[in-house]
PDB file of all heavy atoms in Angstrom:
ATOM      1  N   ASP A   1       0.854  -1.199   0.006  1.00  0.00           N
ATOM      2  CA  ASP A   1      -0.003  -0.007   0.016  1.00  0.00           C
ATOM      3  C   ASP A   1       0.891   1.230   0.003  1.00  0.00           C
ATOM      4  O   ASP A   1       1.659   1.450   0.921  1.00  0.00           O
ATOM      5  CB  ASP A   1      -0.901  -0.033   1.226  1.00  0.00           C
ATOM      6  CG  ASP A   1      -1.874   1.153   1.278  1.00  0.00           C
ATOM      7  OD1 ASP A   1      -1.889   1.951   0.301  1.00  0.00           O
ATOM      8  OD2 ASP A   1      -2.608   1.274   2.263  1.00  0.00           O
ATOM      9  N   PHE A   2       0.789   2.065  -1.049  1.00  0.00           N
ATOM     10  CA  PHE A   2       1.644   3.244  -1.186  1.00  0.00           C
ATOM     11  C   PHE A   2       0.938   4.521  -0.736  1.00  0.00           C
ATOM     12  O   PHE A   2       1.445   5.610  -0.984  1.00  0.00           O
ATOM     13  CB  PHE A   2       2.052   3.391  -2.662  1.00  0.00           C
ATOM     14  CG  PHE A   2       2.961   2.265  -3.156  1.00  0.00           C
ATOM     15  CD1 PHE A   2       2.424   1.094  -3.644  1.00  0.00           C
ATOM     16  CD2 PHE A   2       4.336   2.403  -3.065  1.00  0.00           C
ATOM     17  CE1 PHE A   2       3.257   0.060  -4.079  1.00  0.00           C
ATOM     18  CE2 PHE A   2       5.168   1.368  -3.511  1.00  0.00           C
ATOM     19  CZ  PHE A   2       4.642   0.210  -4.011  1.00  0.00           C
ATOM     20  N   THR A   3      -0.153   4.365  -0.029  1.00  0.00           N
ATOM     21  CA  THR A   3      -0.897   5.526   0.461  1.00  0.00           C
ATOM     22  C   THR A   3       0.043   6.407   1.319  1.00  0.00           C
ATOM     23  O   THR A   3       0.728   5.937   2.211  1.00  0.00           O
ATOM     24  CB  THR A   3      -2.086   5.089   1.325  1.00  0.00           C
ATOM     25  OG1 THR A   3      -2.963   4.284   0.536  1.00  0.00           O
ATOM     26  CG2 THR A   3      -2.837   6.305   1.852  1.00  0.00           C
ATOM     27  N   GLY A   4       0.026   7.721   0.974  1.00  0.00           N
ATOM     28  CA  GLY A   4       0.834   8.668   1.748  1.00  0.00           C
ATOM     29  C   GLY A   4       2.303   8.730   1.387  1.00  0.00           C
ATOM     30  O   GLY A   4       3.081   9.471   1.976  1.00  0.00           O
ATOM     31  N   LYS A   5       2.716   7.936   0.389  1.00  0.00           N
ATOM     32  CA  LYS A   5       4.107   7.905   0.012  1.00  0.00           C
ATOM     33  C   LYS A   5       4.332   8.584  -1.330  1.00  0.00           C
ATOM     34  O   LYS A   5       3.473   8.535  -2.234  1.00  0.00           O
ATOM     35  CB  LYS A   5       4.612   6.435  -0.110  1.00  0.00           C
ATOM     36  CG  LYS A   5       4.455   5.665   1.217  1.00  0.00           C
ATOM     37  CD  LYS A   5       5.064   4.251   1.068  1.00  0.00           C
ATOM     38  CE  LYS A   5       4.737   3.430   2.309  1.00  0.00           C
ATOM     39  NZ  LYS A   5       5.243   4.035   3.549  1.00  0.00           N
ATOM     40  N   THR A   6       5.491   9.210  -1.461  1.00  0.00           N
ATOM     41  CA  THR A   6       5.939   9.709  -2.771  1.00  0.00           C
ATOM     42  C   THR A   6       6.713   8.593  -3.442  1.00  0.00           C
ATOM     43  O   THR A   6       7.654   8.047  -2.865  1.00  0.00           O
ATOM     44  CB  THR A   6       6.851  10.952  -2.581  1.00  0.00           C
ATOM     45  OG1 THR A   6       6.079  12.000  -1.996  1.00  0.00           O
ATOM     46  CG2 THR A   6       7.391  11.418  -3.936  1.00  0.00           C
ATOM     47  N   VAL A   7       6.298   8.247  -4.649  1.00  0.00           N
ATOM     48  CA  VAL A   7       6.909   7.123  -5.362  1.00  0.00           C
ATOM     49  C   VAL A   7       7.577   7.629  -6.633  1.00  0.00           C
ATOM     50  O   VAL A   7       6.959   8.376  -7.432  1.00  0.00           O
ATOM     51  CB  VAL A   7       5.857   6.037  -5.707  1.00  0.00           C
ATOM     52  CG1 VAL A   7       6.563   4.804  -6.258  1.00  0.00           C
ATOM     53  CG2 VAL A   7       4.987   5.712  -4.499  1.00  0.00           C
ATOM     54  N   ILE A   8       8.829   7.250  -6.811  1.00  0.00           N
ATOM     55  CA  ILE A   8       9.622   7.732  -7.934  1.00  0.00           C
ATOM     56  C   ILE A   8      10.219   6.553  -8.692  1.00  0.00           C
ATOM     57  O   ILE A   8      11.107   5.895  -8.182  1.00  0.00           O
ATOM     58  CB  ILE A   8      10.755   8.674  -7.446  1.00  0.00           C
ATOM     59  CG1 ILE A   8      10.198   9.767  -6.518  1.00  0.00           C
ATOM     60  CG2 ILE A   8      11.469   9.306  -8.667  1.00  0.00           C
ATOM     61  CD1 ILE A   8      11.253  10.585  -5.834  1.00  0.00           C
ATOM     62  N   PRO A   9       9.722   6.292  -9.896  1.00  0.00           N
ATOM     63  CA  PRO A   9      10.296   5.167 -10.676  1.00  0.00           C
ATOM     64  C   PRO A   9      11.608   5.583 -11.357  1.00  0.00           C
ATOM     65  O   PRO A   9      11.832   6.744 -11.648  1.00  0.00           O
ATOM     66  CB  PRO A   9       9.204   4.901 -11.718  1.00  0.00           C
ATOM     67  CG  PRO A   9       8.475   6.179 -11.860  1.00  0.00           C
ATOM     68  CD  PRO A   9       8.560   6.916 -10.547  1.00  0.00           C
ATOM     69  N   PHE A  10      12.460   4.605 -11.558  1.00  0.00           N
ATOM     70  CA  PHE A  10      13.652   4.814 -12.377  1.00  0.00           C
ATOM     71  C   PHE A  10      13.993   3.504 -13.081  1.00  0.00           C
ATOM     72  O   PHE A  10      13.570   2.410 -12.622  1.00  0.00           O
ATOM     73  CB  PHE A  10      14.843   5.261 -11.524  1.00  0.00           C
ATOM     74  CG  PHE A  10      15.379   4.260 -10.570  1.00  0.00           C
ATOM     75  CD1 PHE A  10      16.472   3.441 -10.847  1.00  0.00           C
ATOM     76  CD2 PHE A  10      14.784   4.122  -9.296  1.00  0.00           C
ATOM     77  CE1 PHE A  10      16.938   2.521  -9.937  1.00  0.00           C
ATOM     78  CE2 PHE A  10      15.263   3.178  -8.382  1.00  0.00           C
ATOM     79  CZ  PHE A  10      16.326   2.394  -8.685  1.00  0.00           C
ATOM     80  N   CYS A  11      14.646   3.584 -14.222  1.00  0.00           N
ATOM     81  CA  CYS A  11      14.897   2.382 -14.981  1.00  0.00           C
ATOM     82  C   CYS A  11      16.250   2.481 -15.668  1.00  0.00           C
ATOM     83  O   CYS A  11      16.849   3.550 -15.765  1.00  0.00           O
ATOM     84  CB  CYS A  11      13.796   2.142 -16.028  1.00  0.00           C
ATOM     85  SG  CYS A  11      13.820   3.330 -17.368  1.00  0.00           S
ATOM     86  N   THR A  12      16.712   1.340 -16.156  1.00  0.00           N
ATOM     87  CA  THR A  12      17.915   1.317 -16.995  1.00  0.00           C
ATOM     88  C   THR A  12      17.553   0.557 -18.282  1.00  0.00           C
ATOM     89  O   THR A  12      16.692  -0.336 -18.271  1.00  0.00           O
ATOM     90  CB  THR A  12      19.090   0.564 -16.281  1.00  0.00           C
ATOM     91  OG1 THR A  12      18.666  -0.749 -15.941  1.00  0.00           O
ATOM     92  CG2 THR A  12      19.487   1.325 -15.029  1.00  0.00           C
ATOM     93  N   SER A  13      18.202   0.942 -19.353  1.00  0.00           N
ATOM     94  CA  SER A  13      17.934   0.258 -20.631  1.00  0.00           C
ATOM     95  C   SER A  13      19.097   0.549 -21.567  1.00  0.00           C
ATOM     96  O   SER A  13      19.872   1.495 -21.384  1.00  0.00           O
ATOM     97  CB  SER A  13      16.643   0.722 -21.252  1.00  0.00           C
ATOM     98  OG  SER A  13      16.757   2.060 -21.691  1.00  0.00           O
ATOM     99  N   THR A  14      19.155  -0.274 -22.634  1.00  0.00           N
ATOM    100  CA  THR A  14      20.152  -0.032 -23.670  1.00  0.00           C
ATOM    101  C   THR A  14      19.803   1.147 -24.517  1.00  0.00           C
ATOM    102  O   THR A  14      20.620   2.016 -24.797  1.00  0.00           O
ATOM    103  CB  THR A  14      20.311  -1.297 -24.574  1.00  0.00           C
ATOM    104  OG1 THR A  14      20.643  -2.409 -23.747  1.00  0.00           O
ATOM    105  CG2 THR A  14      21.392  -1.083 -25.610  1.00  0.00           C
ATOM    106  N   SER A  15      18.556   1.223 -24.900  1.00  0.00           N
ATOM    107  CA  SER A  15      18.124   2.319 -25.774  1.00  0.00           C
ATOM    108  C   SER A  15      16.720   2.797 -25.463  1.00  0.00           C
ATOM    109  O   SER A  15      16.379   3.968 -25.734  1.00  0.00           O
ATOM    110  CB  SER A  15      18.193   1.917 -27.240  1.00  0.00           C
ATOM    111  OG  SER A  15      17.412   0.797 -27.506  1.00  0.00           O
ATOM    112  N   SER A  16      15.848   1.966 -24.945  1.00  0.00           N
ATOM    113  CA  SER A  16      14.471   2.363 -24.707  1.00  0.00           C
ATOM    114  C   SER A  16      14.354   3.438 -23.610  1.00  0.00           C
ATOM    115  O   SER A  16      15.169   3.446 -22.687  1.00  0.00           O
ATOM    116  CB  SER A  16      13.635   1.128 -24.305  1.00  0.00           C
ATOM    117  OG  SER A  16      13.664   0.140 -25.287  1.00  0.00           O
ATOM    118  N   GLY A  17      13.329   4.271 -23.737  1.00  0.00           N
ATOM    119  CA  GLY A  17      13.106   5.268 -22.735  1.00  0.00           C
ATOM    120  C   GLY A  17      12.212   4.762 -21.600  1.00  0.00           C
ATOM    121  O   GLY A  17      11.849   3.569 -21.596  1.00  0.00           O
ATOM    122  N   LEU A  18      11.874   5.638 -20.710  1.00  0.00           N
ATOM    123  CA  LEU A  18      10.981   5.254 -19.565  1.00  0.00           C
ATOM    124  C   LEU A  18       9.605   4.843 -20.088  1.00  0.00           C
ATOM    125  O   LEU A  18       8.978   3.959 -19.536  1.00  0.00           O
ATOM    126  CB  LEU A  18      10.883   6.393 -18.595  1.00  0.00           C
ATOM    127  CG  LEU A  18      10.118   6.162 -17.326  1.00  0.00           C
ATOM    128  CD1 LEU A  18      10.859   5.232 -16.391  1.00  0.00           C
ATOM    129  CD2 LEU A  18       9.837   7.476 -16.603  1.00  0.00           C
ATOM    130  N   GLY A  19       9.179   5.511 -21.169  1.00  0.00           N
ATOM    131  CA  GLY A  19       7.865   5.193 -21.744  1.00  0.00           C
ATOM    132  C   GLY A  19       6.744   5.329 -20.776  1.00  0.00           C
ATOM    133  O   GLY A  19       6.730   6.205 -19.903  1.00  0.00           O
ATOM    134  N   GLU A  20       5.804   4.390 -20.851  1.00  0.00           N
ATOM    135  CA  GLU A  20       4.636   4.387 -19.972  1.00  0.00           C
ATOM    136  C   GLU A  20       4.845   3.493 -18.769  1.00  0.00           C
ATOM    137  O   GLU A  20       3.902   3.231 -18.005  1.00  0.00           O
ATOM    138  CB  GLU A  20       3.416   3.901 -20.739  1.00  0.00           C
ATOM    139  CG  GLU A  20       2.974   4.830 -21.856  1.00  0.00           C
ATOM    140  CD  GLU A  20       2.456   6.119 -21.301  1.00  0.00           C
ATOM    141  OE1 GLU A  20       1.578   6.090 -20.404  1.00  0.00           O
ATOM    142  OE2 GLU A  20       2.912   7.216 -21.732  1.00  0.00           O
ATOM    143  N   SER A  21       6.094   3.037 -18.548  1.00  0.00           N
ATOM    144  CA  SER A  21       6.350   2.062 -17.486  1.00  0.00           C
ATOM    145  C   SER A  21       5.933   2.586 -16.088  1.00  0.00           C
ATOM    146  O   SER A  21       5.278   1.877 -15.333  1.00  0.00           O
ATOM    147  CB  SER A  21       7.804   1.646 -17.458  1.00  0.00           C
ATOM    148  OG  SER A  21       8.688   2.733 -17.190  1.00  0.00           O
ATOM    149  N   GLY A  22       6.317   3.811 -15.815  1.00  0.00           N
ATOM    150  CA  GLY A  22       5.954   4.368 -14.505  1.00  0.00           C
ATOM    151  C   GLY A  22       4.465   4.566 -14.335  1.00  0.00           C
ATOM    152  O   GLY A  22       3.879   4.280 -13.294  1.00  0.00           O
ATOM    153  N   LYS A  23       3.823   5.026 -15.414  1.00  0.00           N
ATOM    154  CA  LYS A  23       2.392   5.243 -15.383  1.00  0.00           C
ATOM    155  C   LYS A  23       1.625   3.929 -15.197  1.00  0.00           C
ATOM    156  O   LYS A  23       0.675   3.837 -14.403  1.00  0.00           O
ATOM    157  CB  LYS A  23       1.947   5.901 -16.699  1.00  0.00           C
ATOM    158  CG  LYS A  23       0.471   6.296 -16.716  1.00  0.00           C
ATOM    159  CD  LYS A  23       0.222   7.442 -15.741  1.00  0.00           C
ATOM    160  CE  LYS A  23      -1.215   7.897 -15.844  1.00  0.00           C
ATOM    161  NZ  LYS A  23      -1.535   8.959 -14.820  1.00  0.00           N
ATOM    162  N   LEU A  24       2.075   2.874 -15.847  1.00  0.00           N
ATOM    163  CA  LEU A  24       1.444   1.562 -15.692  1.00  0.00           C
ATOM    164  C   LEU A  24       1.601   1.019 -14.271  1.00  0.00           C
ATOM    165  O   LEU A  24       0.657   0.420 -13.740  1.00  0.00           O
ATOM    166  CB  LEU A  24       2.025   0.588 -16.726  1.00  0.00           C
ATOM    167  CG  LEU A  24       1.708   0.898 -18.172  1.00  0.00           C
ATOM    168  CD1 LEU A  24       2.466  -0.080 -19.090  1.00  0.00           C
ATOM    169  CD2 LEU A  24       0.227   0.806 -18.459  1.00  0.00           C
ATOM    170  N   LEU A  25       2.762   1.229 -13.686  1.00  0.00           N
ATOM    171  CA  LEU A  25       2.944   0.794 -12.307  1.00  0.00           C
ATOM    172  C   LEU A  25       2.058   1.592 -11.348  1.00  0.00           C
ATOM    173  O   LEU A  25       1.520   1.041 -10.388  1.00  0.00           O
ATOM    174  CB  LEU A  25       4.420   0.929 -11.904  1.00  0.00           C
ATOM    175  CG  LEU A  25       5.407  -0.012 -12.611  1.00  0.00           C
ATOM    176  CD1 LEU A  25       6.815   0.291 -12.122  1.00  0.00           C
ATOM    177  CD2 LEU A  25       5.062  -1.474 -12.355  1.00  0.00           C
ATOM    178  N   GLU A  26       1.921   2.872 -11.627  1.00  0.00           N
ATOM    179  CA  GLU A  26       1.044   3.702 -10.773  1.00  0.00           C
ATOM    180  C   GLU A  26      -0.382   3.168 -10.828  1.00  0.00           C
ATOM    181  O   GLU A  26      -1.088   3.080  -9.798  1.00  0.00           O
ATOM    182  CB  GLU A  26       1.099   5.137 -11.277  1.00  0.00           C
ATOM    183  CG  GLU A  26       0.194   6.089 -10.477  1.00  0.00           C
ATOM    184  CD  GLU A  26       0.238   7.498 -10.979  1.00  0.00           C
ATOM    185  OE1 GLU A  26       0.888   7.761 -12.013  1.00  0.00           O
ATOM    186  OE2 GLU A  26      -0.419   8.357 -10.345  1.00  0.00           O
ATOM    187  N   GLU A  27      -0.840   2.823 -12.038  1.00  0.00           N
ATOM    188  CA  GLU A  27      -2.212   2.310 -12.182  1.00  0.00           C
ATOM    189  C   GLU A  27      -2.339   0.978 -11.473  1.00  0.00           C
ATOM    190  O   GLU A  27      -3.364   0.674 -10.833  1.00  0.00           O
ATOM    191  CB  GLU A  27      -2.544   2.159 -13.653  1.00  0.00           C
ATOM    192  CG  GLU A  27      -2.689   3.483 -14.401  1.00  0.00           C
ATOM    193  CD  GLU A  27      -2.863   3.318 -15.890  1.00  0.00           C
ATOM    194  OE1 GLU A  27      -2.858   2.144 -16.373  1.00  0.00           O
ATOM    195  OE2 GLU A  27      -3.020   4.309 -16.590  1.00  0.00           O
ATOM    196  N   MET A  28      -1.284   0.174 -11.522  1.00  0.00           N
ATOM    197  CA  MET A  28      -1.319  -1.132 -10.850  1.00  0.00           C
ATOM    198  C   MET A  28      -1.339  -0.949  -9.340  1.00  0.00           C
ATOM    199  O   MET A  28      -2.054  -1.681  -8.637  1.00  0.00           O
ATOM    200  CB  MET A  28      -0.038  -1.903 -11.256  1.00  0.00           C
ATOM    201  CG  MET A  28       0.000  -3.340 -10.769  1.00  0.00           C
ATOM    202  SD  MET A  28       1.523  -4.166 -11.307  1.00  0.00           S
ATOM    203  CE  MET A  28       1.402  -4.072 -13.070  1.00  0.00           C
ATOM    204  N   ALA A  29      -0.617   0.048  -8.822  1.00  0.00           N
ATOM    205  CA  ALA A  29      -0.551   0.293  -7.389  1.00  0.00           C
ATOM    206  C   ALA A  29      -1.905   0.848  -6.874  1.00  0.00           C
ATOM    207  O   ALA A  29      -2.414   0.442  -5.853  1.00  0.00           O
ATOM    208  CB  ALA A  29       0.567   1.237  -7.028  1.00  0.00           C
ATOM    209  N   GLY A  30      -2.433   1.823  -7.614  1.00  0.00           N
ATOM    210  CA  GLY A  30      -3.690   2.443  -7.223  1.00  0.00           C
ATOM    211  C   GLY A  30      -3.593   3.427  -6.078  1.00  0.00           C
ATOM    212  O   GLY A  30      -4.601   4.032  -5.717  1.00  0.00           O
ATOM    213  N   THR A  31      -2.445   3.524  -5.452  1.00  0.00           N
ATOM    214  CA  THR A  31      -2.235   4.475  -4.352  1.00  0.00           C
ATOM    215  C   THR A  31      -0.857   5.114  -4.487  1.00  0.00           C
ATOM    216  O   THR A  31       0.000   4.624  -5.222  1.00  0.00           O
ATOM    217  CB  THR A  31      -2.312   3.753  -2.986  1.00  0.00           C
ATOM    218  OG1 THR A  31      -1.343   2.652  -2.972  1.00  0.00           O
ATOM    219  CG2 THR A  31      -3.689   3.177  -2.735  1.00  0.00           C
ATOM    220  N   GLY A  32      -0.651   6.157  -3.713  1.00  0.00           N
ATOM    221  CA  GLY A  32       0.653   6.849  -3.718  1.00  0.00           C
ATOM    222  C   GLY A  32       0.669   8.049  -4.649  1.00  0.00           C
ATOM    223  O   GLY A  32      -0.122   8.166  -5.585  1.00  0.00           O
ATOM    224  N   ASN A  33       1.619   8.940  -4.364  1.00  0.00           N
ATOM    225  CA  ASN A  33       1.836  10.123  -5.192  1.00  0.00           C
ATOM    226  C   ASN A  33       3.044   9.833  -6.094  1.00  0.00           C
ATOM    227  O   ASN A  33       4.180   9.970  -5.671  1.00  0.00           O
ATOM    228  CB  ASN A  33       2.082  11.358  -4.318  1.00  0.00           C
ATOM    229  CG  ASN A  33       2.434  12.588  -5.131  1.00  0.00           C
ATOM    230  OD1 ASN A  33       1.963  12.762  -6.256  1.00  0.00           O
ATOM    231  ND2 ASN A  33       3.287  13.438  -4.569  1.00  0.00           N
ATOM    232  N   TRP A  34       2.752   9.437  -7.324  1.00  0.00           N
ATOM    233  CA  TRP A  34       3.798   9.009  -8.228  1.00  0.00           C
ATOM    234  C   TRP A  34       4.343  10.216  -9.023  1.00  0.00           C
ATOM    235  O   TRP A  34       3.556  10.971  -9.623  1.00  0.00           O
ATOM    236  CB  TRP A  34       3.288   7.947  -9.179  1.00  0.00           C
ATOM    237  CG  TRP A  34       3.043   6.617  -8.515  1.00  0.00           C
ATOM    238  CD1 TRP A  34       2.104   6.341  -7.568  1.00  0.00           C
ATOM    239  CD2 TRP A  34       3.765   5.415  -8.718  1.00  0.00           C
ATOM    240  NE1 TRP A  34       2.177   5.036  -7.165  1.00  0.00           N
ATOM    241  CE2 TRP A  34       3.194   4.435  -7.893  1.00  0.00           C
ATOM    242  CE3 TRP A  34       4.815   5.032  -9.585  1.00  0.00           C
ATOM    243  CZ2 TRP A  34       3.645   3.129  -7.823  1.00  0.00           C
ATOM    244  CZ3 TRP A  34       5.266   3.757  -9.536  1.00  0.00           C
ATOM    245  CH2 TRP A  34       4.691   2.801  -8.656  1.00  0.00           C
ATOM    246  N   LEU A  35       5.665  10.357  -9.010  1.00  0.00           N
ATOM    247  CA  LEU A  35       6.317  11.439  -9.742  1.00  0.00           C
ATOM    248  C   LEU A  35       6.878  10.913 -11.084  1.00  0.00           C
ATOM    249  O   LEU A  35       6.939   9.713 -11.328  1.00  0.00           O
ATOM    250  CB  LEU A  35       7.466  12.033  -8.940  1.00  0.00           C
ATOM    251  CG  LEU A  35       7.119  12.577  -7.529  1.00  0.00           C
ATOM    252  CD1 LEU A  35       8.339  13.243  -6.924  1.00  0.00           C
ATOM    253  CD2 LEU A  35       5.931  13.512  -7.568  1.00  0.00           C
ATOM    254  N   GLU A  36       7.224  11.853 -11.934  1.00  0.00           N
ATOM    255  CA  GLU A  36       7.862  11.504 -13.198  1.00  0.00           C
ATOM    256  C   GLU A  36       9.190  10.789 -12.914  1.00  0.00           C
ATOM    257  O   GLU A  36       9.949  11.202 -12.015  1.00  0.00           O
ATOM    258  CB  GLU A  36       8.147  12.744 -14.014  1.00  0.00           C
ATOM    259  CG  GLU A  36       8.779  12.499 -15.340  1.00  0.00           C
ATOM    260  CD  GLU A  36       7.835  11.819 -16.366  1.00  0.00           C
ATOM    261  OE1 GLU A  36       6.585  11.992 -16.185  1.00  0.00           O
ATOM    262  OE2 GLU A  36       8.314  11.146 -17.271  1.00  0.00           O
ATOM    263  N   GLY A  37       9.405   9.704 -13.605  1.00  0.00           N
ATOM    264  CA  GLY A  37      10.642   8.908 -13.355  1.00  0.00           C
ATOM    265  C   GLY A  37      11.831   9.328 -14.198  1.00  0.00           C
ATOM    266  O   GLY A  37      11.829  10.361 -14.861  1.00  0.00           O
ATOM    267  N   LYS A  38      12.794   8.477 -14.208  1.00  0.00           N
ATOM    268  CA  LYS A  38      14.053   8.763 -14.920  1.00  0.00           C
ATOM    269  C   LYS A  38      14.607   7.507 -15.515  1.00  0.00           C
ATOM    270  O   LYS A  38      14.660   6.430 -14.855  1.00  0.00           O
ATOM    271  CB  LYS A  38      15.057   9.369 -13.934  1.00  0.00           C
ATOM    272  CG  LYS A  38      16.438   9.678 -14.541  1.00  0.00           C
ATOM    273  CD  LYS A  38      16.387  10.814 -15.498  1.00  0.00           C
ATOM    274  CE  LYS A  38      17.805  11.192 -16.003  1.00  0.00           C
ATOM    275  NZ  LYS A  38      17.789  12.292 -16.986  1.00  0.00           N
ATOM    276  N   ARG A  39      15.062   7.594 -16.771  1.00  0.00           N
ATOM    277  CA  ARG A  39      15.711   6.471 -17.418  1.00  0.00           C
ATOM    278  C   ARG A  39      17.191   6.718 -17.451  1.00  0.00           C
ATOM    279  O   ARG A  39      17.653   7.837 -17.753  1.00  0.00           O
ATOM    280  CB  ARG A  39      15.153   6.289 -18.828  1.00  0.00           C
ATOM    281  CG  ARG A  39      15.892   5.241 -19.665  1.00  0.00           C
ATOM    282  CD  ARG A  39      16.898   5.843 -20.612  1.00  0.00           C
ATOM    283  NE  ARG A  39      17.667   4.804 -21.332  1.00  0.00           N
ATOM    284  CZ  ARG A  39      18.721   5.081 -22.099  1.00  0.00           C
ATOM    285  NH1 ARG A  39      19.161   6.331 -22.216  1.00  0.00           N
ATOM    286  NH2 ARG A  39      19.357   4.116 -22.715  1.00  0.00           N
ATOM    287  N   PHE A  40      17.973   5.690 -17.118  1.00  0.00           N
ATOM    288  CA  PHE A  40      19.443   5.757 -17.205  1.00  0.00           C
ATOM    289  C   PHE A  40      19.954   4.743 -18.213  1.00  0.00           C
ATOM    290  O   PHE A  40      19.320   3.702 -18.425  1.00  0.00           O
ATOM    291  CB  PHE A  40      20.079   5.497 -15.846  1.00  0.00           C
ATOM    292  CG  PHE A  40      19.721   6.496 -14.787  1.00  0.00           C
ATOM    293  CD1 PHE A  40      18.766   6.215 -13.814  1.00  0.00           C
ATOM    294  CD2 PHE A  40      20.345   7.742 -14.726  1.00  0.00           C
ATOM    295  CE1 PHE A  40      18.437   7.130 -12.843  1.00  0.00           C
ATOM    296  CE2 PHE A  40      20.014   8.686 -13.774  1.00  0.00           C
ATOM    297  CZ  PHE A  40      19.036   8.364 -12.828  1.00  0.00           C
ATOM    298  N   SER A  41      21.089   5.010 -18.792  1.00  0.00           N
ATOM    299  CA  SER A  41      21.686   4.051 -19.731  1.00  0.00           C
ATOM    300  C   SER A  41      22.196   2.859 -18.965  1.00  0.00           C
ATOM    301  O   SER A  41      22.346   2.881 -17.728  1.00  0.00           O
ATOM    302  CB  SER A  41      22.848   4.714 -20.508  1.00  0.00           C
ATOM    303  OG  SER A  41      23.921   4.915 -19.655  1.00  0.00           O
ATOM    304  N   GLU A  42      22.467   1.797 -19.671  1.00  0.00           N
ATOM    305  CA  GLU A  42      22.968   0.569 -19.032  1.00  0.00           C
ATOM    306  C   GLU A  42      24.303   0.807 -18.341  1.00  0.00           C
ATOM    307  O   GLU A  42      24.653   0.109 -17.381  1.00  0.00           O
ATOM    308  CB  GLU A  42      23.065  -0.570 -20.060  1.00  0.00           C
ATOM    309  CG  GLU A  42      24.000  -0.257 -21.208  1.00  0.00           C
ATOM    310  CD  GLU A  42      24.024  -1.369 -22.252  1.00  0.00           C
ATOM    311  OE1 GLU A  42      23.446  -2.463 -21.923  1.00  0.00           O
ATOM    312  OE2 GLU A  42      24.564  -1.211 -23.329  1.00  0.00           O
ATOM    313  N   ASN A  43      25.088   1.781 -18.839  1.00  0.00           N
ATOM    314  CA  ASN A  43      26.354   2.156 -18.194  1.00  0.00           C
ATOM    315  C   ASN A  43      26.158   3.364 -17.323  1.00  0.00           C
ATOM    316  O   ASN A  43      26.882   4.368 -17.431  1.00  0.00           O
ATOM    317  CB  ASN A  43      27.433   2.400 -19.270  1.00  0.00           C
ATOM    318  CG  ASN A  43      27.727   1.192 -20.110  1.00  0.00           C
ATOM    319  OD1 ASN A  43      27.898   0.095 -19.593  1.00  0.00           O
ATOM    320  ND2 ASN A  43      27.781   1.370 -21.431  1.00  0.00           N
ATOM    321  N   VAL A  44      25.186   3.284 -16.446  1.00  0.00           N
ATOM    322  CA  VAL A  44      24.822   4.419 -15.606  1.00  0.00           C
ATOM    323  C   VAL A  44      25.989   4.894 -14.765  1.00  0.00           C
ATOM    324  O   VAL A  44      26.756   4.085 -14.212  1.00  0.00           O
ATOM    325  CB  VAL A  44      23.634   4.046 -14.720  1.00  0.00           C
ATOM    326  CG1 VAL A  44      23.921   2.842 -13.870  1.00  0.00           C
ATOM    327  CG2 VAL A  44      23.184   5.207 -13.824  1.00  0.00           C
ATOM    328  N   SER A  45      26.146   6.230 -14.671  1.00  0.00           N
ATOM    329  CA  SER A  45      27.229   6.786 -13.889  1.00  0.00           C
ATOM    330  C   SER A  45      26.709   7.364 -12.602  1.00  0.00           C
ATOM    331  O   SER A  45      25.535   7.822 -12.545  1.00  0.00           O
ATOM    332  CB  SER A  45      27.955   7.876 -14.675  1.00  0.00           C
ATOM    333  OG  SER A  45      27.173   9.056 -14.760  1.00  0.00           O
TER     334      SER A  45
END
């Protein structure tokens, strides 16, 4: 239950962006204050 929590998605990929991944997880959770996420390259620094 993410009620009352700020939720921030992040991901890594070779080339794909964040896309709708964060939004889909937010819908799946149904609770929480979800912020815009961030995509990092596979060689994240």
